Protein backbone atom coordinates (compact mmCIF):
# COMPACT_ATOMS: atom_id res chain seq x y z
CA MET A 1 181.40 -94.97 60.11
CA ALA A 2 183.36 -92.90 62.62
CA GLU A 3 181.65 -89.88 64.15
CA ALA A 4 184.23 -87.48 62.69
CA SER A 5 184.60 -89.29 59.35
CA HIS A 6 183.89 -86.05 57.47
CA ARG A 7 187.18 -84.74 58.92
CA MET A 8 189.32 -87.80 58.16
CA MET A 9 191.37 -88.07 54.98
CA THR A 10 192.00 -91.71 54.08
CA ALA A 11 193.94 -91.53 50.81
CA ALA A 12 195.79 -88.97 48.71
CA ARG A 13 197.57 -89.00 45.39
CA VAL A 14 199.15 -86.56 42.99
CA THR A 15 197.51 -86.26 39.58
CA THR A 16 198.62 -84.21 36.60
CA ARG A 17 197.09 -80.93 37.78
CA CYS A 18 196.03 -81.42 41.40
CA VAL A 19 196.13 -83.46 44.58
CA GLU A 20 193.23 -85.86 44.91
CA VAL A 21 192.09 -86.70 48.44
CA VAL A 22 189.43 -89.15 49.67
CA PHE A 23 187.58 -88.59 52.95
CA ALA A 24 186.40 -91.40 55.23
CA ASP A 25 182.75 -90.49 54.65
CA GLY A 26 183.14 -90.89 50.88
CA PRO A 27 183.66 -87.53 49.13
CA GLN A 28 186.73 -86.89 47.03
CA SER A 29 188.49 -83.56 46.92
CA PHE A 30 190.61 -82.19 44.09
CA VAL A 31 192.93 -79.43 45.30
CA PRO A 32 194.56 -77.57 42.40
CA PHE A 33 198.31 -77.10 42.77
CA GLY A 34 197.92 -73.31 42.57
CA GLU A 35 195.67 -73.38 45.65
CA ILE A 36 198.37 -75.20 47.61
CA ARG A 37 201.06 -72.74 46.59
CA GLN A 38 200.77 -70.03 43.93
CA ASP A 39 203.91 -71.07 42.05
CA LEU A 40 203.15 -74.81 42.13
CA HIS A 41 201.87 -75.84 38.69
CA THR A 42 202.61 -79.49 37.82
CA SER A 43 203.01 -82.89 39.42
CA ALA A 44 206.70 -82.80 38.50
CA GLU A 45 207.12 -80.08 41.16
CA VAL A 46 205.88 -82.41 43.93
CA ARG A 47 208.55 -84.62 45.48
CA SER A 48 206.23 -86.52 47.82
CA LEU A 49 202.81 -86.60 49.42
CA GLU A 50 202.15 -87.97 52.89
CA LEU A 51 199.17 -88.46 55.21
CA PRO A 52 200.89 -88.61 58.62
CA ASN A 53 197.47 -88.68 60.27
CA PRO A 54 193.85 -88.46 59.04
CA TYR A 55 193.67 -84.71 59.66
CA GLU A 56 196.72 -83.43 57.81
CA LEU A 57 198.20 -83.82 54.34
CA VAL A 58 201.87 -82.96 53.80
CA VAL A 59 203.08 -81.89 50.36
CA ASP A 60 206.86 -81.87 49.87
CA ALA A 61 207.82 -79.76 46.84
CA GLN A 62 210.92 -80.27 44.72
CA SER A 63 211.95 -76.78 45.85
CA GLY A 64 212.32 -78.14 49.38
CA GLU A 65 209.28 -76.33 50.74
CA VAL A 66 206.93 -78.47 52.85
CA MET A 67 203.27 -77.50 52.94
CA GLU A 68 200.89 -78.85 55.56
CA LEU A 69 197.25 -78.91 54.49
CA PRO A 70 194.68 -79.34 57.27
CA TRP A 71 191.58 -81.43 56.65
CA ASP A 72 189.22 -78.43 56.66
CA PHE A 73 191.18 -76.63 53.92
CA VAL A 74 191.00 -79.75 51.74
CA ARG A 75 187.34 -80.42 52.60
CA GLY A 76 186.37 -77.02 51.26
CA PHE A 77 187.34 -78.15 47.76
CA CYS A 78 185.08 -81.20 47.70
CA ASP A 79 182.14 -79.77 49.60
CA PRO A 80 181.35 -76.14 48.72
CA SER A 81 178.53 -76.13 51.28
CA TYR A 82 181.11 -76.87 54.00
CA VAL A 83 182.70 -73.44 53.64
CA ALA A 84 179.30 -71.72 53.84
CA ARG A 85 178.36 -73.72 56.97
CA VAL A 86 181.64 -72.83 58.71
CA GLN A 87 181.13 -69.16 57.87
CA ARG A 88 177.56 -69.22 59.28
CA VAL A 89 178.73 -70.89 62.50
CA GLY A 90 181.54 -68.35 62.85
CA GLU A 91 179.16 -65.44 62.30
CA ALA A 92 176.71 -66.84 64.86
CA GLY A 93 179.57 -67.19 67.35
CA ARG A 94 180.68 -63.60 66.77
CA ARG A 95 177.11 -62.32 67.31
CA THR A 96 176.82 -64.35 70.54
CA GLY A 97 180.18 -63.04 71.76
CA ALA A 98 179.16 -59.45 71.01
CA ARG A 99 176.00 -59.83 73.15
CA THR A 100 177.90 -61.19 76.14
CA ALA A 101 180.65 -58.55 76.05
């Protein structure tokens, strides 16, 4: 398994109510359409879905809008502890930066 496999999206598909994404380290993520764009509600509103690289998912809406979803945004939906870990690391970095300023 690749060192950064938790960051790599390997497959994506549109379902009835969400976009389903699989990561290289195994977890699946289900991103509701409304989290991608507030006025996106059904699969009929998605023209295409593309994984141009393992770190970015591109959703092309019927409206013509193109939304780029980075791996970390998607990962947060399949791994709730990921968001908490990122927040803790960020807070620790801010505290360290405040001490050196």
